[in-house]
Amino acid sequence: MGFKDNLKEKLHNSLTQDELLLLPRGFQTLGKVMILKLQPKLLEKRKIIADTCLEILPKIKSVYLNLGKVKGKFRQPEKIEYLAGENNPIVEHTEHGIRYIFDITKIMFSKGNLNERKYLATLVKDGEIIVDMFAGIGYFSLPIAKHSSVEKIYSIELNPDAYEFLVKNIKLNHFEEKIVPIHGDCRNEVVRLSETGLRTDRVIMGVFPAPKDYIKEALLLVKDSGTIFHYEGVVEKENYRQLFDEFNEIAERQNHQCKLLSKRFVKSYGPNLYHVTLDIKVKKS
C-alpha cells in the first residue's frame, strides 16, 4: 500500500472525504526527519496528519512542515514548522557514502540534485586542484573528496550558518587534508587565491540564479592548459545555449576562449524551466 493510501486508511475517521483526497503522495526525508508539504485546506489538520505519519513510519523520529520556498541571498528555507516527534532540526543525512549534518530550518538541501552531486565527482581526474564557489555545506566538495583522488579543494562559502556546517562536515567525513574551507565572498576570495599564484583544473559555480557577476573574477584561476567550469542556471529547455553565450561573452572580453563540452538537465524547475549544468572548457587566448 502506498503512503497516501495508508494515510487515508488511518485518517478516514478524522478527515472529510475531500480532505483525504488532498493528502500528499509523498514526502522528503533527511536523516530520520520527514518534511511534509500540505495543501492549504489541510493546514488545520496538520498535527493529526503528522502524528499519523509517525505511526505509519516508526523509523521517522520527527515531522516538520515546509510552509514556504527557498529565498534570499543565502537560499534559505522560508519557513519550516515543527509538527511532531523529536523537536530537533539538526539532522545527519547520508548520501553516496557522505555524511552531511545541518539545520533544516536554515539550510536548503535538494535531493533533486543527488545524481549531479554523484556525477560531478566522476569527472575529476587524479591530482586535480578545484575551487568550489558557493560551496554551501559541501554539496559538491564532499562527494569529490570521497570518490576521487583530488589533490585539493578550496571551498568558499559566505553564509555563516552554511560555513559552520561545511567545517563540521569536513571533520565528520575526515577530509581535512583534501578540503580547505574559506569563509567569505566568492568574488573576493577567488581574487585572493589567484594572487597567491593558484591556478585550478576545475571551478564549480553551482548556485541560482546563474552567477554571471562572478565570472570575471573566476577566470583569474584559469591555467595555461585550460580549466573546466561547471556553470549552472535555470533556463527554458530549448534555450540552454543562452546560458553558455552569457558565459562566453564575458570570457571573450577577458581574452579567454570557451568551448561547451556538455550539458545536463538536472531537474525540472517549473513549467518548461530546467536546472541545467554546463561543462565549459576555458583557455587563455
C-alpha atoms as a PDB file:
ATOM      1  CA  MET A   1       0.000   0.000   0.000  1.00  0.00           C
ATOM      2  CA  GLY A   2       1.331   3.418  -0.942  1.00  0.00           C
ATOM      3  CA  PHE A   3       1.962   6.217   1.524  1.00  0.00           C
ATOM      4  CA  LYS A   4      -1.137   8.223   0.603  1.00  0.00           C
ATOM      5  CA  ASP A   5      -3.440   5.182   0.710  1.00  0.00           C
ATOM      6  CA  ASN A   6      -2.010   4.245   4.092  1.00  0.00           C
ATOM      7  CA  LEU A   7      -2.625   7.754   5.401  1.00  0.00           C
ATOM      8  CA  LYS A   8      -6.178   7.776   4.026  1.00  0.00           C
ATOM      9  CA  GLU A   9      -6.954   4.497   5.738  1.00  0.00           C
ATOM     10  CA  LYS A  10      -5.614   5.694   9.105  1.00  0.00           C
ATOM     11  CA  LEU A  11      -7.309   9.098   8.876  1.00  0.00           C
ATOM     12  CA  HIS A  12     -10.663   8.178   7.341  1.00  0.00           C
ATOM     13  CA  ASN A  13     -12.490   8.977  10.611  1.00  0.00           C
ATOM     14  CA  SER A  14     -10.621  12.245  11.208  1.00  0.00           C
ATOM     15  CA  LEU A  15     -10.702  13.946   7.786  1.00  0.00           C
ATOM     16  CA  THR A  16     -13.516  14.589   5.339  1.00  0.00           C
ATOM     17  CA  GLN A  17     -13.562  12.800   2.001  1.00  0.00           C
ATOM     18  CA  ASP A  18     -12.389  15.966   0.235  1.00  0.00           C
ATOM     19  CA  GLU A  19      -9.529  16.367   2.736  1.00  0.00           C
ATOM     20  CA  LEU A  20      -8.459  12.752   2.284  1.00  0.00           C
ATOM     21  CA  LEU A  21      -8.086  13.362  -1.442  1.00  0.00           C
ATOM     22  CA  LEU A  22      -5.728  16.281  -0.731  1.00  0.00           C
ATOM     23  CA  LEU A  23      -3.255  14.229   1.304  1.00  0.00           C
ATOM     24  CA  PRO A  24       0.292  14.253  -0.144  1.00  0.00           C
ATOM     25  CA  ARG A  25       1.514  11.282  -2.157  1.00  0.00           C
ATOM     26  CA  GLY A  26       4.994  11.511  -0.667  1.00  0.00           C
ATOM     27  CA  PHE A  27       7.409  13.473   1.459  1.00  0.00           C
ATOM     28  CA  GLN A  28      11.058  14.407   1.798  1.00  0.00           C
ATOM     29  CA  THR A  29      13.253  12.590   4.294  1.00  0.00           C
ATOM     30  CA  LEU A  30      16.544  13.922   5.591  1.00  0.00           C
ATOM     31  CA  GLY A  31      18.134  11.596   8.094  1.00  0.00           C
ATOM     32  CA  LYS A  32      15.267  10.489  10.337  1.00  0.00           C
ATOM     33  CA  VAL A  33      13.246  13.651   9.704  1.00  0.00           C
ATOM     34  CA  MET A  34      10.184  13.849   7.459  1.00  0.00           C
ATOM     35  CA  ILE A  35       9.374  17.166   5.778  1.00  0.00           C
ATOM     36  CA  LEU A  36       5.793  17.461   4.544  1.00  0.00           C
ATOM     37  CA  LYS A  37       4.135  19.871   2.164  1.00  0.00           C
ATOM     38  CA  LEU A  38       0.375  20.203   2.669  1.00  0.00           C
ATOM     39  CA  GLN A  39      -2.415  21.842   0.722  1.00  0.00           C
ATOM     40  CA  PRO A  40      -3.747  24.999   2.474  1.00  0.00           C
ATOM     41  CA  LYS A  41      -7.057  23.246   3.196  1.00  0.00           C
ATOM     42  CA  LEU A  42      -5.195  20.640   5.266  1.00  0.00           C
ATOM     43  CA  LEU A  43      -3.225  23.020   7.489  1.00  0.00           C
ATOM     44  CA  GLU A  44      -5.792  22.900  10.302  1.00  0.00           C
ATOM     45  CA  LYS A  45      -5.319  19.129  10.412  1.00  0.00           C
ATOM     46  CA  ARG A  46      -1.521  19.184  10.211  1.00  0.00           C
ATOM     47  CA  LYS A  47      -0.948  17.885  13.751  1.00  0.00           C
ATOM     48  CA  ILE A  48      -3.078  14.764  13.387  1.00  0.00           C
ATOM     49  CA  ILE A  49      -1.576  14.122   9.949  1.00  0.00           C
ATOM     50  CA  ALA A  50       1.942  14.397  11.381  1.00  0.00           C
ATOM     51  CA  ASP A  51       1.141  12.089  14.315  1.00  0.00           C
ATOM     52  CA  THR A  52      -0.263   9.548  11.881  1.00  0.00           C
ATOM     53  CA  CYS A  53       2.884   9.724   9.752  1.00  0.00           C
ATOM     54  CA  LEU A  54       4.950   8.786  12.801  1.00  0.00           C
ATOM     55  CA  GLU A  55       2.582   5.887  13.467  1.00  0.00           C
ATOM     56  CA  ILE A  56       2.901   4.596   9.903  1.00  0.00           C
ATOM     57  CA  LEU A  57       6.680   5.044   9.667  1.00  0.00           C
ATOM     58  CA  PRO A  58       8.313   4.170  13.015  1.00  0.00           C
ATOM     59  CA  LYS A  59      11.833   4.832  11.657  1.00  0.00           C
ATOM     60  CA  ILE A  60      10.917   8.511  11.291  1.00  0.00           C
ATOM     61  CA  LYS A  61      11.614  10.419  14.509  1.00  0.00           C
ATOM     62  CA  SER A  62      10.393  13.916  13.609  1.00  0.00           C
ATOM     63  CA  VAL A  63       7.884  15.546  11.287  1.00  0.00           C
ATOM     64  CA  TYR A  64       8.229  19.123  10.034  1.00  0.00           C
ATOM     65  CA  LEU A  65       6.082  21.172   7.662  1.00  0.00           C
ATOM     66  CA  ASN A  66       7.504  23.179   4.779  1.00  0.00           C
ATOM     67  CA  LEU A  67       5.364  26.323   4.549  1.00  0.00           C
ATOM     68  CA  GLY A  68       7.463  28.375   2.182  1.00  0.00           C
ATOM     69  CA  LYS A  69      10.050  28.459  -0.556  1.00  0.00           C
ATOM     70  CA  VAL A  70      13.799  28.850  -0.733  1.00  0.00           C
ATOM     71  CA  LYS A  71      14.533  32.569  -0.691  1.00  0.00           C
ATOM     72  CA  GLY A  72      17.074  35.308  -0.132  1.00  0.00           C
ATOM     73  CA  LYS A  73      20.744  35.848  -0.757  1.00  0.00           C
ATOM     74  CA  PHE A  74      21.686  32.673   1.072  1.00  0.00           C
ATOM     75  CA  ARG A  75      18.986  30.439  -0.488  1.00  0.00           C
ATOM     76  CA  GLN A  76      17.486  29.547   2.892  1.00  0.00           C
ATOM     77  CA  PRO A  77      14.155  27.815   3.622  1.00  0.00           C
ATOM     78  CA  GLU A  78      11.473  30.443   4.181  1.00  0.00           C
ATOM     79  CA  LYS A  79       9.552  28.658   6.942  1.00  0.00           C
ATOM     80  CA  ILE A  80       9.938  25.159   8.352  1.00  0.00           C
ATOM     81  CA  GLU A  81       7.489  24.403  11.190  1.00  0.00           C
ATOM     82  CA  TYR A  82       7.880  21.611  13.765  1.00  0.00           C
ATOM     83  CA  LEU A  83       4.837  19.311  13.955  1.00  0.00           C
ATOM     84  CA  ALA A  84       5.504  16.067  15.832  1.00  0.00           C
ATOM     85  CA  GLY A  85       8.097  13.748  17.346  1.00  0.00           C
ATOM     86  CA  GLU A  86      11.524  14.964  18.442  1.00  0.00           C
ATOM     87  CA  ASN A  87      11.903  18.721  18.082  1.00  0.00           C
ATOM     88  CA  ASN A  88      15.479  18.801  16.802  1.00  0.00           C
ATOM     89  CA  PRO A  89      16.103  20.427  13.390  1.00  0.00           C
ATOM     90  CA  ILE A  90      19.782  19.352  13.287  1.00  0.00           C
ATOM     91  CA  VAL A  91      19.850  16.287  11.061  1.00  0.00           C
ATOM     92  CA  GLU A  92      22.522  13.890   9.855  1.00  0.00           C
ATOM     93  CA  HIS A  93      21.799  12.762   6.320  1.00  0.00           C
ATOM     94  CA  THR A  94      23.817  10.133   4.438  1.00  0.00           C
ATOM     95  CA  GLU A  95      24.118  10.164   0.649  1.00  0.00           C
ATOM     96  CA  HIS A  96      26.613   8.303  -1.574  1.00  0.00           C
ATOM     97  CA  GLY A  97      28.682   7.419   1.491  1.00  0.00           C
ATOM     98  CA  ILE A  98      28.872  11.061   2.640  1.00  0.00           C
ATOM     99  CA  ARG A  99      27.527  12.221   5.996  1.00  0.00           C
ATOM    100  CA  TYR A 100      26.001  15.703   5.972  1.00  0.00           C
ATOM    101  CA  ILE A 101      24.987  17.459   9.163  1.00  0.00           C
ATOM    102  CA  PHE A 102      22.897  20.641   9.002  1.00  0.00           C
ATOM    103  CA  ASP A 103      19.896  22.556  10.368  1.00  0.00           C
ATOM    104  CA  ILE A 104      16.836  22.009   8.156  1.00  0.00           C
ATOM    105  CA  THR A 105      15.355  25.365   9.245  1.00  0.00           C
ATOM    106  CA  LYS A 106      18.417  27.264   7.965  1.00  0.00           C
ATOM    107  CA  ILE A 107      19.921  25.139   5.183  1.00  0.00           C
ATOM    108  CA  MET A 108      18.431  24.080   1.849  1.00  0.00           C
ATOM    109  CA  PHE A 109      19.195  20.501   0.808  1.00  0.00           C
ATOM    110  CA  SER A 110      17.803  19.492  -2.578  1.00  0.00           C
ATOM    111  CA  LYS A 111      17.548  15.744  -3.088  1.00  0.00           C
ATOM    112  CA  GLY A 112      16.715  16.507  -6.713  1.00  0.00           C
ATOM    113  CA  ASN A 113      20.423  17.287  -7.226  1.00  0.00           C
ATOM    114  CA  LEU A 114      21.510  13.860  -5.954  1.00  0.00           C
ATOM    115  CA  ASN A 115      22.646  12.496  -9.318  1.00  0.00           C
ATOM    116  CA  GLU A 116      24.537  15.672 -10.199  1.00  0.00           C
ATOM    117  CA  ARG A 117      26.449  15.573  -6.910  1.00  0.00           C
ATOM    118  CA  LYS A 118      27.467  11.974  -7.640  1.00  0.00           C
ATOM    119  CA  TYR A 119      28.214  12.524 -11.333  1.00  0.00           C
ATOM    120  CA  LEU A 120      30.437  15.548 -10.903  1.00  0.00           C
ATOM    121  CA  ALA A 121      32.820  13.544  -8.748  1.00  0.00           C
ATOM    122  CA  THR A 122      33.279  11.025 -11.589  1.00  0.00           C
ATOM    123  CA  LEU A 123      34.637  13.773 -13.876  1.00  0.00           C
ATOM    124  CA  VAL A 124      37.514  14.670 -11.574  1.00  0.00           C
ATOM    125  CA  LYS A 125      40.945  13.357 -12.593  1.00  0.00           C
ATOM    126  CA  ASP A 126      43.703  12.295 -10.199  1.00  0.00           C
ATOM    127  CA  GLY A 127      45.630  15.166  -8.672  1.00  0.00           C
ATOM    128  CA  GLU A 128      43.243  17.936  -9.671  1.00  0.00           C
ATOM    129  CA  ILE A 129      43.025  21.248  -7.846  1.00  0.00           C
ATOM    130  CA  ILE A 130      39.477  22.598  -7.595  1.00  0.00           C
ATOM    131  CA  VAL A 131      37.781  25.760  -6.414  1.00  0.00           C
ATOM    132  CA  ASP A 132      34.185  25.203  -5.302  1.00  0.00           C
ATOM    133  CA  MET A 133      32.447  28.578  -5.310  1.00  0.00           C
ATOM    134  CA  PHE A 134      29.189  28.856  -3.315  1.00  0.00           C
ATOM    135  CA  ALA A 135      30.143  25.593  -1.591  1.00  0.00           C
ATOM    136  CA  GLY A 136      27.299  25.568   0.930  1.00  0.00           C
ATOM    137  CA  ILE A 137      27.655  22.740   3.434  1.00  0.00           C
ATOM    138  CA  GLY A 138      29.842  20.799   0.999  1.00  0.00           C
ATOM    139  CA  TYR A 139      27.266  19.572  -1.517  1.00  0.00           C
ATOM    140  CA  PHE A 140      29.914  19.022  -4.232  1.00  0.00           C
ATOM    141  CA  SER A 141      33.170  19.270  -2.294  1.00  0.00           C
ATOM    142  CA  LEU A 142      32.436  16.312  -0.036  1.00  0.00           C
ATOM    143  CA  PRO A 143      31.488  13.784  -2.772  1.00  0.00           C
ATOM    144  CA  ILE A 144      34.524  14.817  -4.821  1.00  0.00           C
ATOM    145  CA  ALA A 145      36.800  14.327  -1.811  1.00  0.00           C
ATOM    146  CA  LYS A 146      35.189  10.931  -1.151  1.00  0.00           C
ATOM    147  CA  HIS A 147      35.031   9.495  -4.660  1.00  0.00           C
ATOM    148  CA  SER A 148      38.093  10.893  -6.442  1.00  0.00           C
ATOM    149  CA  SER A 149      41.817  11.296  -5.934  1.00  0.00           C
ATOM    150  CA  VAL A 150      41.631  15.084  -5.944  1.00  0.00           C
ATOM    151  CA  GLU A 151      44.697  16.956  -4.684  1.00  0.00           C
ATOM    152  CA  LYS A 152      42.936  19.905  -3.039  1.00  0.00           C
ATOM    153  CA  ILE A 153      39.513  21.571  -2.978  1.00  0.00           C
ATOM    154  CA  TYR A 154      39.146  25.208  -1.933  1.00  0.00           C
ATOM    155  CA  SER A 155      35.535  25.504  -0.756  1.00  0.00           C
ATOM    156  CA  ILE A 156      34.227  29.063  -0.480  1.00  0.00           C
ATOM    157  CA  GLU A 157      31.006  29.955   1.372  1.00  0.00           C
ATOM    158  CA  LEU A 158      29.659  33.324   2.579  1.00  0.00           C
ATOM    159  CA  ASN A 159      26.605  32.241   4.598  1.00  0.00           C
ATOM    160  CA  PRO A 160      27.852  31.872   8.202  1.00  0.00           C
ATOM    161  CA  ASP A 161      25.375  29.089   9.004  1.00  0.00           C
ATOM    162  CA  ALA A 162      26.322  27.062   5.925  1.00  0.00           C
ATOM    163  CA  TYR A 163      30.021  27.682   6.544  1.00  0.00           C
ATOM    164  CA  GLU A 164      29.698  26.400  10.108  1.00  0.00           C
ATOM    165  CA  PHE A 165      28.234  23.121   8.833  1.00  0.00           C
ATOM    166  CA  LEU A 166      30.761  22.950   5.986  1.00  0.00           C
ATOM    167  CA  VAL A 167      33.564  22.908   8.555  1.00  0.00           C
ATOM    168  CA  LYS A 168      31.715  20.322  10.648  1.00  0.00           C
ATOM    169  CA  ASN A 169      31.076  18.109   7.618  1.00  0.00           C
ATOM    170  CA  ILE A 170      34.722  18.205   6.556  1.00  0.00           C
ATOM    171  CA  LYS A 171      35.696  16.970  10.011  1.00  0.00           C
ATOM    172  CA  LEU A 172      32.820  14.477  10.198  1.00  0.00           C
ATOM    173  CA  ASN A 173      33.984  12.831   6.970  1.00  0.00           C
ATOM    174  CA  HIS A 174      37.726  13.183   7.772  1.00  0.00           C
ATOM    175  CA  PHE A 175      38.569  15.297   4.707  1.00  0.00           C
ATOM    176  CA  GLU A 176      40.734  17.876   6.462  1.00  0.00           C
ATOM    177  CA  GLU A 177      43.680  17.031   4.203  1.00  0.00           C
ATOM    178  CA  LYS A 178      41.680  17.452   0.998  1.00  0.00           C
ATOM    179  CA  ILE A 179      39.290  20.354   1.607  1.00  0.00           C
ATOM    180  CA  VAL A 180      40.216  23.897   2.618  1.00  0.00           C
ATOM    181  CA  PRO A 181      37.119  25.784   3.850  1.00  0.00           C
ATOM    182  CA  ILE A 182      37.096  29.531   3.199  1.00  0.00           C
ATOM    183  CA  HIS A 183      34.554  31.898   4.756  1.00  0.00           C
ATOM    184  CA  GLY A 184      33.974  34.893   2.520  1.00  0.00           C
ATOM    185  CA  ASP A 185      32.511  36.326  -0.645  1.00  0.00           C
ATOM    186  CA  CYS A 186      33.458  34.232  -3.702  1.00  0.00           C
ATOM    187  CA  ARG A 187      34.307  37.264  -5.800  1.00  0.00           C
ATOM    188  CA  ASN A 188      36.875  38.490  -3.290  1.00  0.00           C
ATOM    189  CA  GLU A 189      38.203  35.077  -2.339  1.00  0.00           C
ATOM    190  CA  VAL A 190      38.961  33.861  -5.868  1.00  0.00           C
ATOM    191  CA  VAL A 191      40.915  37.076  -6.445  1.00  0.00           C
ATOM    192  CA  ARG A 192      42.844  36.446  -3.240  1.00  0.00           C
ATOM    193  CA  LEU A 193      43.548  32.841  -4.246  1.00  0.00           C
ATOM    194  CA  SER A 194      44.709  33.900  -7.705  1.00  0.00           C
ATOM    195  CA  GLU A 195      47.089  36.406  -6.143  1.00  0.00           C
ATOM    196  CA  THR A 196      48.792  33.528  -4.312  1.00  0.00           C
ATOM    197  CA  GLY A 197      49.522  32.007  -7.712  1.00  0.00           C
ATOM    198  CA  LEU A 198      46.777  29.389  -7.551  1.00  0.00           C
ATOM    199  CA  ARG A 199      45.520  28.088 -10.891  1.00  0.00           C
ATOM    200  CA  THR A 200      42.946  25.332 -10.979  1.00  0.00           C
ATOM    201  CA  ASP A 201      41.850  22.377 -13.063  1.00  0.00           C
ATOM    202  CA  ARG A 202      38.190  22.908 -12.291  1.00  0.00           C
ATOM    203  CA  VAL A 203      35.887  25.639 -10.958  1.00  0.00           C
ATOM    204  CA  ILE A 204      32.399  24.816  -9.669  1.00  0.00           C
ATOM    205  CA  MET A 205      29.832  27.631  -9.885  1.00  0.00           C
ATOM    206  CA  GLY A 206      26.765  25.847  -8.530  1.00  0.00           C
ATOM    207  CA  VAL A 207      24.266  28.460  -7.394  1.00  0.00           C
ATOM    208  CA  PHE A 208      20.999  30.085  -8.513  1.00  0.00           C
ATOM    209  CA  PRO A 209      20.446  32.394 -10.202  1.00  0.00           C
ATOM    210  CA  ALA A 210      23.373  31.774 -12.583  1.00  0.00           C
ATOM    211  CA  PRO A 211      26.359  33.650 -11.054  1.00  0.00           C
ATOM    212  CA  LYS A 212      27.056  35.864 -14.061  1.00  0.00           C
ATOM    213  CA  ASP A 213      28.551  38.626 -11.905  1.00  0.00           C
ATOM    214  CA  TYR A 214      31.275  36.270 -10.620  1.00  0.00           C
ATOM    215  CA  ILE A 215      32.607  35.016 -13.953  1.00  0.00           C
ATOM    216  CA  LYS A 216      35.191  37.765 -14.494  1.00  0.00           C
ATOM    217  CA  GLU A 217      36.941  37.088 -11.192  1.00  0.00           C
ATOM    218  CA  ALA A 218      36.679  33.300 -11.541  1.00  0.00           C
ATOM    219  CA  LEU A 219      38.571  33.497 -14.837  1.00  0.00           C
ATOM    220  CA  LEU A 220      41.659  34.568 -12.875  1.00  0.00           C
ATOM    221  CA  LEU A 221      42.016  30.913 -11.876  1.00  0.00           C
ATOM    222  CA  VAL A 222      42.380  29.589 -15.443  1.00  0.00           C
ATOM    223  CA  LYS A 223      45.523  27.509 -16.116  1.00  0.00           C
ATOM    224  CA  ASP A 224      47.599  27.896 -19.275  1.00  0.00           C
ATOM    225  CA  SER A 225      46.452  24.424 -20.312  1.00  0.00           C
ATOM    226  CA  GLY A 226      42.827  25.309 -19.616  1.00  0.00           C
ATOM    227  CA  THR A 227      40.293  24.993 -16.817  1.00  0.00           C
ATOM    228  CA  ILE A 228      36.852  23.378 -16.775  1.00  0.00           C
ATOM    229  CA  PHE A 229      33.983  25.429 -15.356  1.00  0.00           C
ATOM    230  CA  HIS A 230      30.729  23.880 -14.156  1.00  0.00           C
ATOM    231  CA  TYR A 231      28.221  26.691 -14.607  1.00  0.00           C
ATOM    232  CA  GLU A 232      24.597  26.344 -13.507  1.00  0.00           C
ATOM    233  CA  GLY A 233      21.375  28.176 -14.176  1.00  0.00           C
ATOM    234  CA  VAL A 234      17.648  27.881 -14.859  1.00  0.00           C
ATOM    235  CA  VAL A 235      16.555  28.064 -18.493  1.00  0.00           C
ATOM    236  CA  GLU A 236      13.840  27.018 -20.880  1.00  0.00           C
ATOM    237  CA  LYS A 237      14.997  23.637 -22.125  1.00  0.00           C
ATOM    238  CA  GLU A 238      15.474  24.664 -25.740  1.00  0.00           C
ATOM    239  CA  ASN A 239      17.346  27.844 -24.738  1.00  0.00           C
ATOM    240  CA  TYR A 240      20.204  26.333 -22.725  1.00  0.00           C
ATOM    241  CA  ARG A 241      22.651  27.830 -25.225  1.00  0.00           C
ATOM    242  CA  GLN A 242      21.825  31.301 -23.899  1.00  0.00           C
ATOM    243  CA  LEU A 243      23.496  30.338 -20.641  1.00  0.00           C
ATOM    244  CA  PHE A 244      26.685  29.431 -22.484  1.00  0.00           C
ATOM    245  CA  ASP A 245      26.546  32.618 -24.576  1.00  0.00           C
ATOM    246  CA  GLU A 246      26.307  34.657 -21.370  1.00  0.00           C
ATOM    247  CA  PHE A 247      29.442  32.992 -20.003  1.00  0.00           C
ATOM    248  CA  ASN A 248      31.299  33.137 -23.307  1.00  0.00           C
ATOM    249  CA  GLU A 249      30.634  36.846 -23.844  1.00  0.00           C
ATOM    250  CA  ILE A 250      32.243  37.741 -20.512  1.00  0.00           C
ATOM    251  CA  ALA A 251      35.154  35.352 -21.094  1.00  0.00           C
ATOM    252  CA  GLU A 252      35.897  36.791 -24.528  1.00  0.00           C
ATOM    253  CA  ARG A 253      36.087  40.287 -23.065  1.00  0.00           C
ATOM    254  CA  GLN A 254      38.769  38.919 -20.721  1.00  0.00           C
ATOM    255  CA  ASN A 255      40.690  37.379 -23.636  1.00  0.00           C
ATOM    256  CA  HIS A 256      39.613  33.815 -22.986  1.00  0.00           C
ATOM    257  CA  GLN A 257      38.287  31.175 -25.363  1.00  0.00           C
ATOM    258  CA  CYS A 258      35.432  28.881 -24.388  1.00  0.00           C
ATOM    259  CA  LYS A 259      34.213  25.514 -25.604  1.00  0.00           C
ATOM    260  CA  LEU A 260      30.961  23.927 -24.446  1.00  0.00           C
ATOM    261  CA  LEU A 261      31.870  20.336 -23.582  1.00  0.00           C
ATOM    262  CA  SER A 262      28.491  19.089 -22.416  1.00  0.00           C
ATOM    263  CA  LYS A 263      25.186  19.981 -20.791  1.00  0.00           C
ATOM    264  CA  ARG A 264      22.985  18.232 -18.229  1.00  0.00           C
ATOM    265  CA  PHE A 265      19.365  18.913 -17.379  1.00  0.00           C
ATOM    266  CA  VAL A 266      19.455  18.212 -13.660  1.00  0.00           C
ATOM    267  CA  LYS A 267      15.757  18.578 -12.807  1.00  0.00           C
ATOM    268  CA  SER A 268      12.564  20.392 -13.682  1.00  0.00           C
ATOM    269  CA  TYR A 269      12.278  23.809 -12.065  1.00  0.00           C
ATOM    270  CA  GLY A 270       8.826  24.846 -13.253  1.00  0.00           C
ATOM    271  CA  PRO A 271       6.683  24.881 -16.406  1.00  0.00           C
ATOM    272  CA  ASN A 272       9.230  24.416 -19.240  1.00  0.00           C
ATOM    273  CA  LEU A 273      12.024  25.551 -16.907  1.00  0.00           C
ATOM    274  CA  TYR A 274      15.005  23.352 -16.100  1.00  0.00           C
ATOM    275  CA  HIS A 275      18.012  23.431 -13.828  1.00  0.00           C
ATOM    276  CA  VAL A 276      20.902  22.929 -16.244  1.00  0.00           C
ATOM    277  CA  THR A 277      24.641  22.449 -15.705  1.00  0.00           C
ATOM    278  CA  LEU A 278      27.099  23.366 -18.443  1.00  0.00           C
ATOM    279  CA  ASP A 279      30.655  21.989 -18.576  1.00  0.00           C
ATOM    280  CA  ILE A 280      32.777  24.688 -20.227  1.00  0.00           C
ATOM    281  CA  LYS A 281      36.472  24.400 -21.110  1.00  0.00           C
ATOM    282  CA  VAL A 282      38.205  27.793 -20.853  1.00  0.00           C
ATOM    283  CA  LYS A 283      41.660  28.720 -22.126  1.00  0.00           C
ATOM    284  CA  LYS A 284      43.517  31.999 -22.342  1.00  0.00           C
ATOM    285  CA  SER A 285      43.573  33.448 -25.854  1.00  0.00           C
END
